[in-house]
Amino acid sequence: DVPFEFSVGKKAFPAGEYVVVQVAPHTLALRDSND
């Protein structure tokens, strides 16, 4: 649960619940609370 706005790479996201998932050895995916 991120309590502030933030960016991942060049994309910005609002505060909220997120899921970080490893999708490959050196690759992570960001998903929202609805997956």
All heavy atoms as atom14 arrays in JSON, in Angstrom:
{
  "sequence": "DVPFEFSVGKKAFPAGEYVVVQVAPHTLALRDSND",
  "atom14_mask": [
    [1, 1, 1, 1, 1, 1, 1, 1, 0, 0, 0, 0, 0, 0],
    [1, 1, 1, 1, 1, 1, 1, 0, 0, 0, 0, 0, 0, 0],
    [1, 1, 1, 1, 1, 1, 1, 0, 0, 0, 0, 0, 0, 0],
    [1, 1, 1, 1, 1, 1, 1, 1, 1, 1, 1, 0, 0, 0],
    [1, 1, 1, 1, 1, 1, 1, 1, 1, 0, 0, 0, 0, 0],
    [1, 1, 1, 1, 1, 1, 1, 1, 1, 1, 1, 0, 0, 0],
    [1, 1, 1, 1, 1, 1, 0, 0, 0, 0, 0, 0, 0, 0],
    [1, 1, 1, 1, 1, 1, 1, 0, 0, 0, 0, 0, 0, 0],
    [1, 1, 1, 1, 0, 0, 0, 0, 0, 0, 0, 0, 0, 0],
    [1, 1, 1, 1, 1, 1, 1, 1, 1, 0, 0, 0, 0, 0],
    [1, 1, 1, 1, 1, 1, 1, 1, 1, 0, 0, 0, 0, 0],
    [1, 1, 1, 1, 1, 0, 0, 0, 0, 0, 0, 0, 0, 0],
    [1, 1, 1, 1, 1, 1, 1, 1, 1, 1, 1, 0, 0, 0],
    [1, 1, 1, 1, 1, 1, 1, 0, 0, 0, 0, 0, 0, 0],
    [1, 1, 1, 1, 1, 0, 0, 0, 0, 0, 0, 0, 0, 0],
    [1, 1, 1, 1, 0, 0, 0, 0, 0, 0, 0, 0, 0, 0],
    [1, 1, 1, 1, 1, 1, 1, 1, 1, 0, 0, 0, 0, 0],
    [1, 1, 1, 1, 1, 1, 1, 1, 1, 1, 1, 1, 0, 0],
    [1, 1, 1, 1, 1, 1, 1, 0, 0, 0, 0, 0, 0, 0],
    [1, 1, 1, 1, 1, 1, 1, 0, 0, 0, 0, 0, 0, 0],
    [1, 1, 1, 1, 1, 1, 1, 0, 0, 0, 0, 0, 0, 0],
    [1, 1, 1, 1, 1, 1, 1, 1, 1, 0, 0, 0, 0, 0],
    [1, 1, 1, 1, 1, 1, 1, 0, 0, 0, 0, 0, 0, 0],
    [1, 1, 1, 1, 1, 0, 0, 0, 0, 0, 0, 0, 0, 0],
    [1, 1, 1, 1, 1, 1, 1, 0, 0, 0, 0, 0, 0, 0],
    [1, 1, 1, 1, 1, 1, 1, 1, 1, 1, 0, 0, 0, 0],
    [1, 1, 1, 1, 1, 1, 1, 0, 0, 0, 0, 0, 0, 0],
    [1, 1, 1, 1, 1, 1, 1, 1, 0, 0, 0, 0, 0, 0],
    [1, 1, 1, 1, 1, 0, 0, 0, 0, 0, 0, 0, 0, 0],
    [1, 1, 1, 1, 1, 1, 1, 1, 0, 0, 0, 0, 0, 0],
    [1, 1, 1, 1, 1, 1, 1, 1, 1, 1, 1, 0, 0, 0],
    [1, 1, 1, 1, 1, 1, 1, 1, 0, 0, 0, 0, 0, 0],
    [1, 1, 1, 1, 1, 1, 0, 0, 0, 0, 0, 0, 0, 0],
    [1, 1, 1, 1, 1, 1, 1, 1, 0, 0, 0, 0, 0, 0],
    [1, 1, 1, 1, 1, 1, 1, 1, 0, 0, 0, 0, 0, 0]
  ],
  "atom14_positions": [
    [[0.88, -1.17, 0.0], [0.0, 0.0, 0.0], [0.91, 1.22, 0.0], [1.54, 1.54, 1.02], [-0.91, -0.01, 1.23], [-1.93, 1.12, 1.2], [-2.09, 1.76, 0.15], [-2.57, 1.35, 2.24], [0.0, 0.0, 0.0], [0.0, 0.0, 0.0], [0.0, 0.0, 0.0], [0.0, 0.0, 0.0], [0.0, 0.0, 0.0], [0.0, 0.0, 0.0]],
    [[1.01, 1.9, -1.14], [1.89, 3.06, -1.27], [1.07, 4.3, -0.93], [0.08, 4.59, -1.59], [2.46, 3.16, -2.71], [3.41, 4.34, -2.82], [3.16, 1.87, -3.11], [0.0, 0.0, 0.0], [0.0, 0.0, 0.0], [0.0, 0.0, 0.0], [0.0, 0.0, 0.0], [0.0, 0.0, 0.0], [0.0, 0.0, 0.0], [0.0, 0.0, 0.0]],
    [[1.48, 5.07, 0.1], [0.68, 6.21, 0.57], [0.94, 7.52, -0.18], [0.49, 8.57, 0.27], [1.09, 6.34, 2.03], [2.5, 5.85, 2.06], [2.57, 4.76, 1.01], [0.0, 0.0, 0.0], [0.0, 0.0, 0.0], [0.0, 0.0, 0.0], [0.0, 0.0, 0.0], [0.0, 0.0, 0.0], [0.0, 0.0, 0.0], [0.0, 0.0, 0.0]],
    [[1.64, 7.47, -1.3], [1.95, 8.69, -2.05], [2.02, 8.38, -3.54], [2.15, 7.22, -3.94], [3.29, 9.29, -1.58], [4.38, 8.27, -1.4], [5.08, 7.74, -2.48], [4.7, 7.81, -0.13], [6.07, 6.79, -2.31], [5.71, 6.87, 0.06], [6.39, 6.36, -1.03], [0.0, 0.0, 0.0], [0.0, 0.0, 0.0], [0.0, 0.0, 0.0]],
    [[1.95, 9.42, -4.38], [2.13, 9.24, -5.82], [3.57, 8.84, -6.07], [4.48, 9.26, -5.36], [1.83, 10.55, -6.55], [0.38, 10.92, -6.57], [0.11, 12.16, -7.42], [0.99, 12.55, -8.22], [-0.97, 12.73, -7.26], [0.0, 0.0, 0.0], [0.0, 0.0, 0.0], [0.0, 0.0, 0.0], [0.0, 0.0, 0.0], [0.0, 0.0, 0.0]],
    [[3.78, 8.02, -7.11], [5.13, 7.56, -7.42], [5.22, 7.21, -8.89], [4.22, 7.12, -9.59], [5.5, 6.35, -6.55], [4.69, 5.12, -6.86], [5.21, 4.1, -7.65], [3.41, 4.97, -6.36], [4.47, 2.96, -7.93], [2.65, 3.84, -6.62], [3.18, 2.84, -7.41], [0.0, 0.0, 0.0], [0.0, 0.0, 0.0], [0.0, 0.0, 0.0]],
    [[6.46, 6.99, -9.35], [6.66, 6.57, -10.74], [7.46, 5.28, -10.77], [8.23, 4.98, -9.86], [7.36, 7.66, -11.54], [8.66, 7.88, -11.02], [0.0, 0.0, 0.0], [0.0, 0.0, 0.0], [0.0, 0.0, 0.0], [0.0, 0.0, 0.0], [0.0, 0.0, 0.0], [0.0, 0.0, 0.0], [0.0, 0.0, 0.0], [0.0, 0.0, 0.0]],
    [[7.23, 4.53, -11.84], [8.02, 3.35, -12.15], [8.44, 3.55, -13.59], [7.6, 3.6, -14.49], [7.21, 2.04, -12.0], [8.04, 0.84, -12.44], [6.74, 1.87, -10.56], [0.0, 0.0, 0.0], [0.0, 0.0, 0.0], [0.0, 0.0, 0.0], [0.0, 0.0, 0.0], [0.0, 0.0, 0.0], [0.0, 0.0, 0.0], [0.0, 0.0, 0.0]],
    [[9.74, 3.71, -13.8], [10.21, 4.07, -15.13], [9.68, 5.46, -15.48], [9.81, 6.39, -14.71], [0.0, 0.0, 0.0], [0.0, 0.0, 0.0], [0.0, 0.0, 0.0], [0.0, 0.0, 0.0], [0.0, 0.0, 0.0], [0.0, 0.0, 0.0], [0.0, 0.0, 0.0], [0.0, 0.0, 0.0], [0.0, 0.0, 0.0], [0.0, 0.0, 0.0]],
    [[9.02, 5.58, -16.62], [8.49, 6.87, -17.05], [7.01, 7.03, -16.75], [6.41, 8.04, -17.1], [8.73, 7.05, -18.55], [10.21, 7.13, -18.9], [10.42, 7.35, -20.38], [11.9, 7.43, -20.68], [12.16, 7.66, -22.09], [0.0, 0.0, 0.0], [0.0, 0.0, 0.0], [0.0, 0.0, 0.0], [0.0, 0.0, 0.0], [0.0, 0.0, 0.0]],
    [[6.4, 6.04, -16.1], [4.97, 6.08, -15.81], [4.71, 6.48, -14.37], [5.37, 5.99, -13.46], [4.32, 4.73, -16.11], [4.39, 4.35, -17.58], [3.68, 3.06, -17.83], [3.75, 2.71, -19.32], [3.03, 1.48, -19.62], [0.0, 0.0, 0.0], [0.0, 0.0, 0.0], [0.0, 0.0, 0.0], [0.0, 0.0, 0.0], [0.0, 0.0, 0.0]],
    [[3.71, 7.34, -14.17], [3.34, 7.8, -12.83], [2.07, 7.08, -12.37], [1.19, 6.76, -13.19], [3.12, 9.3, -12.84], [0.0, 0.0, 0.0], [0.0, 0.0, 0.0], [0.0, 0.0, 0.0], [0.0, 0.0, 0.0], [0.0, 0.0, 0.0], [0.0, 0.0, 0.0], [0.0, 0.0, 0.0], [0.0, 0.0, 0.0], [0.0, 0.0, 0.0]],
    [[1.98, 6.86, -11.05], [0.84, 6.15, -10.47], [0.37, 6.87, -9.21], [1.19, 7.4, -8.46], [1.22, 4.7, -10.15], [1.68, 3.94, -11.34], [3.03, 3.79, -11.62], [0.75, 3.4, -12.22], [3.45, 3.11, -12.75], [1.17, 2.71, -13.35], [2.52, 2.57, -13.62], [0.0, 0.0, 0.0], [0.0, 0.0, 0.0], [0.0, 0.0, 0.0]],
    [[-0.93, 6.84, -8.94], [-1.44, 7.47, -7.72], [-1.19, 6.58, -6.51], [-0.87, 5.4, -6.63], [-2.95, 7.59, -8.01], [-3.24, 6.45, -8.93], [-2.0, 6.31, -9.79], [0.0, 0.0, 0.0], [0.0, 0.0, 0.0], [0.0, 0.0, 0.0], [0.0, 0.0, 0.0], [0.0, 0.0, 0.0], [0.0, 0.0, 0.0], [0.0, 0.0, 0.0]],
    [[-1.35, 7.17, -5.33], [-1.25, 6.38, -4.1], [-2.3, 5.28, -4.14], [-3.36, 5.44, -4.73], [-1.5, 7.3, -2.89], [0.0, 0.0, 0.0], [0.0, 0.0, 0.0], [0.0, 0.0, 0.0], [0.0, 0.0, 0.0], [0.0, 0.0, 0.0], [0.0, 0.0, 0.0], [0.0, 0.0, 0.0], [0.0, 0.0, 0.0], [0.0, 0.0, 0.0]],
    [[-1.99, 4.13, -3.54], [-2.95, 3.03, -3.52], [-2.29, 1.69, -3.31], [-1.1, 1.6, -3.04], [0.0, 0.0, 0.0], [0.0, 0.0, 0.0], [0.0, 0.0, 0.0], [0.0, 0.0, 0.0], [0.0, 0.0, 0.0], [0.0, 0.0, 0.0], [0.0, 0.0, 0.0], [0.0, 0.0, 0.0], [0.0, 0.0, 0.0], [0.0, 0.0, 0.0]],
    [[-3.1, 0.64, -3.44], [-2.61, -0.73, -3.27], [-2.11, -1.27, -4.61], [-2.79, -1.13, -5.63], [-3.71, -1.64, -2.73], [-4.04, -1.38, -1.29], [-5.0, -2.41, -0.72], [-5.35, -3.39, -1.42], [-5.39, -2.24, 0.45], [0.0, 0.0, 0.0], [0.0, 0.0, 0.0], [0.0, 0.0, 0.0], [0.0, 0.0, 0.0], [0.0, 0.0, 0.0]],
    [[-0.96, -1.92, -4.56], [-0.34, -2.46, -5.76], [0.24, -3.84, -5.45], [0.48, -4.18, -4.3], [0.78, -1.55, -6.27], [0.25, -0.23, -6.77], [0.15, 0.86, -5.91], [-0.17, -0.09, -8.07], [-0.35, 2.08, -6.35], [-0.67, 1.13, -8.53], [-0.76, 2.2, -7.67], [-1.26, 3.39, -8.11], [0.0, 0.0, 0.0], [0.0, 0.0, 0.0]],
    [[0.5, -4.6, -6.5], [1.17, -5.89, -6.39], [2.38, -5.85, -7.32], [2.26, -5.48, -8.49], [0.22, -7.05, -6.77], [0.96, -8.38, -6.72], [-0.99, -7.08, -5.86], [0.0, 0.0, 0.0], [0.0, 0.0, 0.0], [0.0, 0.0, 0.0], [0.0, 0.0, 0.0], [0.0, 0.0, 0.0], [0.0, 0.0, 0.0], [0.0, 0.0, 0.0]],
    [[3.54, -6.22, -6.78], [4.77, -6.33, -7.56], [5.03, -7.81, -7.79], [5.05, -8.58, -6.83], [5.96, -5.67, -6.83], [7.24, -5.86, -7.62], [5.68, -4.2, -6.57], [0.0, 0.0, 0.0], [0.0, 0.0, 0.0], [0.0, 0.0, 0.0], [0.0, 0.0, 0.0], [0.0, 0.0, 0.0], [0.0, 0.0, 0.0], [0.0, 0.0, 0.0]],
    [[5.2, -8.2, -9.05], [5.36, -9.6, -9.41], [6.6, -9.78, -10.26], [6.82, -9.0, -11.21], [4.14, -10.12, -10.21], [4.3, -11.58, -10.57], [2.86, -9.89, -9.44], [0.0, 0.0, 0.0], [0.0, 0.0, 0.0], [0.0, 0.0, 0.0], [0.0, 0.0, 0.0], [0.0, 0.0, 0.0], [0.0, 0.0, 0.0], [0.0, 0.0, 0.0]],
    [[7.41, -10.77, -9.95], [8.54, -11.11, -10.8], [8.0, -11.93, -11.97], [7.39, -12.98, -11.76], [9.59, -11.92, -10.05], [10.75, -12.32, -10.92], [11.7, -13.28, -10.24], [11.44, -13.75, -9.14], [12.77, -13.6, -10.91], [0.0, 0.0, 0.0], [0.0, 0.0, 0.0], [0.0, 0.0, 0.0], [0.0, 0.0, 0.0], [0.0, 0.0, 0.0]],
    [[8.2, -11.45, -13.2], [7.68, -12.16, -14.37], [8.78, -12.83, -15.18], [8.49, -13.66, -16.04], [6.85, -11.21, -15.28], [5.59, -10.77, -14.57], [7.66, -10.01, -15.73], [0.0, 0.0, 0.0], [0.0, 0.0, 0.0], [0.0, 0.0, 0.0], [0.0, 0.0, 0.0], [0.0, 0.0, 0.0], [0.0, 0.0, 0.0], [0.0, 0.0, 0.0]],
    [[10.04, -12.49, -14.9], [11.2, -13.1, -15.53], [12.38, -12.85, -14.59], [12.25, -12.07, -13.63], [11.44, -12.49, -16.91], [0.0, 0.0, 0.0], [0.0, 0.0, 0.0], [0.0, 0.0, 0.0], [0.0, 0.0, 0.0], [0.0, 0.0, 0.0], [0.0, 0.0, 0.0], [0.0, 0.0, 0.0], [0.0, 0.0, 0.0], [0.0, 0.0, 0.0]],
    [[13.54, -13.47, -14.84], [14.65, -13.33, -13.9], [15.01, -11.89, -13.5], [15.27, -11.63, -12.35], [15.81, -14.01, -14.62], [15.14, -15.05, -15.44], [13.85, -14.43, -15.89], [0.0, 0.0, 0.0], [0.0, 0.0, 0.0], [0.0, 0.0, 0.0], [0.0, 0.0, 0.0], [0.0, 0.0, 0.0], [0.0, 0.0, 0.0], [0.0, 0.0, 0.0]],
    [[15.02, -10.94, -14.4], [15.36, -9.56, -14.05], [14.25, -8.6, -14.47], [14.51, -7.45, -14.83], [16.68, -9.15, -14.7], [17.84, -9.96, -14.22], [18.39, -9.79, -12.98], [18.52, -10.98, -14.8], [19.38, -10.65, -12.81], [19.47, -11.38, -13.9], [0.0, 0.0, 0.0], [0.0, 0.0, 0.0], [0.0, 0.0, 0.0], [0.0, 0.0, 0.0]],
    [[13.02, -9.05, -14.38], [11.88, -8.25, -14.82], [10.77, -8.31, -13.79], [10.35, -9.39, -13.38], [11.34, -8.75, -16.18], [12.43, -8.82, -17.11], [10.28, -7.83, -16.72], [0.0, 0.0, 0.0], [0.0, 0.0, 0.0], [0.0, 0.0, 0.0], [0.0, 0.0, 0.0], [0.0, 0.0, 0.0], [0.0, 0.0, 0.0], [0.0, 0.0, 0.0]],
    [[10.3, -7.13, -13.37], [9.18, -7.02, -12.44], [8.0, -6.37, -13.14], [8.19, -5.51, -14.0], [9.57, -6.19, -11.22], [10.71, -6.71, -10.35], [11.01, -5.72, -9.23], [10.38, -8.07, -9.79], [0.0, 0.0, 0.0], [0.0, 0.0, 0.0], [0.0, 0.0, 0.0], [0.0, 0.0, 0.0], [0.0, 0.0, 0.0], [0.0, 0.0, 0.0]],
    [[6.8, -6.77, -12.75], [5.58, -6.16, -13.25], [4.85, -5.51, -12.1], [4.86, -6.02, -10.97], [4.68, -7.19, -13.92], [0.0, 0.0, 0.0], [0.0, 0.0, 0.0], [0.0, 0.0, 0.0], [0.0, 0.0, 0.0], [0.0, 0.0, 0.0], [0.0, 0.0, 0.0], [0.0, 0.0, 0.0], [0.0, 0.0, 0.0], [0.0, 0.0, 0.0]],
    [[4.2, -4.38, -12.37], [3.38, -3.7, -11.38], [1.93, -3.9, -11.78], [1.56, -3.68, -12.93], [3.72, -2.21, -11.33], [2.98, -1.4, -10.28], [3.44, -1.79, -8.88], [3.19, 0.09, -10.51], [0.0, 0.0, 0.0], [0.0, 0.0, 0.0], [0.0, 0.0, 0.0], [0.0, 0.0, 0.0], [0.0, 0.0, 0.0], [0.0, 0.0, 0.0]],
    [[1.13, -4.33, -10.82], [-0.3, -4.55, -11.05], [-1.09, -3.78, -10.01], [-0.6, -3.54, -8.91], [-0.64, -6.03, -10.98], [0.08, -6.83, -12.05], [-0.25, -8.28, -11.97], [0.48, -8.98, -13.01], [0.3, -10.24, -13.29], [-0.58, -10.96, -12.63], [1.0, -10.81, -14.24], [0.0, 0.0, 0.0], [0.0, 0.0, 0.0], [0.0, 0.0, 0.0]],
    [[-2.33, -3.42, -10.36], [-3.16, -2.71, -9.39], [-3.83, -3.72, -8.46], [-3.6, -4.93, -8.57], [-4.16, -1.79, -10.08], [-5.2, -2.53, -10.91], [-5.35, -3.76, -10.79], [-5.89, -1.86, -11.69], [0.0, 0.0, 0.0], [0.0, 0.0, 0.0], [0.0, 0.0, 0.0], [0.0, 0.0, 0.0], [0.0, 0.0, 0.0], [0.0, 0.0, 0.0]],
    [[-4.66, -3.23, -7.54], [-5.29, -4.1, -6.55], [-6.26, -5.09, -7.16], [-6.62, -6.09, -6.54], [-5.99, -3.27, -5.48], [-6.97, -2.44, -6.08], [0.0, 0.0, 0.0], [0.0, 0.0, 0.0], [0.0, 0.0, 0.0], [0.0, 0.0, 0.0], [0.0, 0.0, 0.0], [0.0, 0.0, 0.0], [0.0, 0.0, 0.0], [0.0, 0.0, 0.0]],
    [[-6.68, -4.85, -8.41], [-7.57, -5.78, -9.12], [-6.79, -6.73, -10.02], [-7.36, -7.39, -10.88], [-8.59, -5.01, -9.96], [-9.51, -4.18, -9.1], [-9.91, -4.6, -8.01], [-9.84, -2.99, -9.57], [0.0, 0.0, 0.0], [0.0, 0.0, 0.0], [0.0, 0.0, 0.0], [0.0, 0.0, 0.0], [0.0, 0.0, 0.0], [0.0, 0.0, 0.0]],
    [[-5.46, -6.79, -9.85], [-4.55, -7.64, -10.62], [-4.47, -7.23, -12.09], [-4.12, -8.02, -12.94], [-4.93, -9.11, -10.48], [-3.72, -10.01, -10.7], [-2.59, -9.59, -10.38], [-3.9, -11.13, -11.22], [0.0, 0.0, 0.0], [0.0, 0.0, 0.0], [0.0, 0.0, 0.0], [0.0, 0.0, 0.0], [0.0, 0.0, 0.0], [0.0, 0.0, 0.0]]
  ]
}
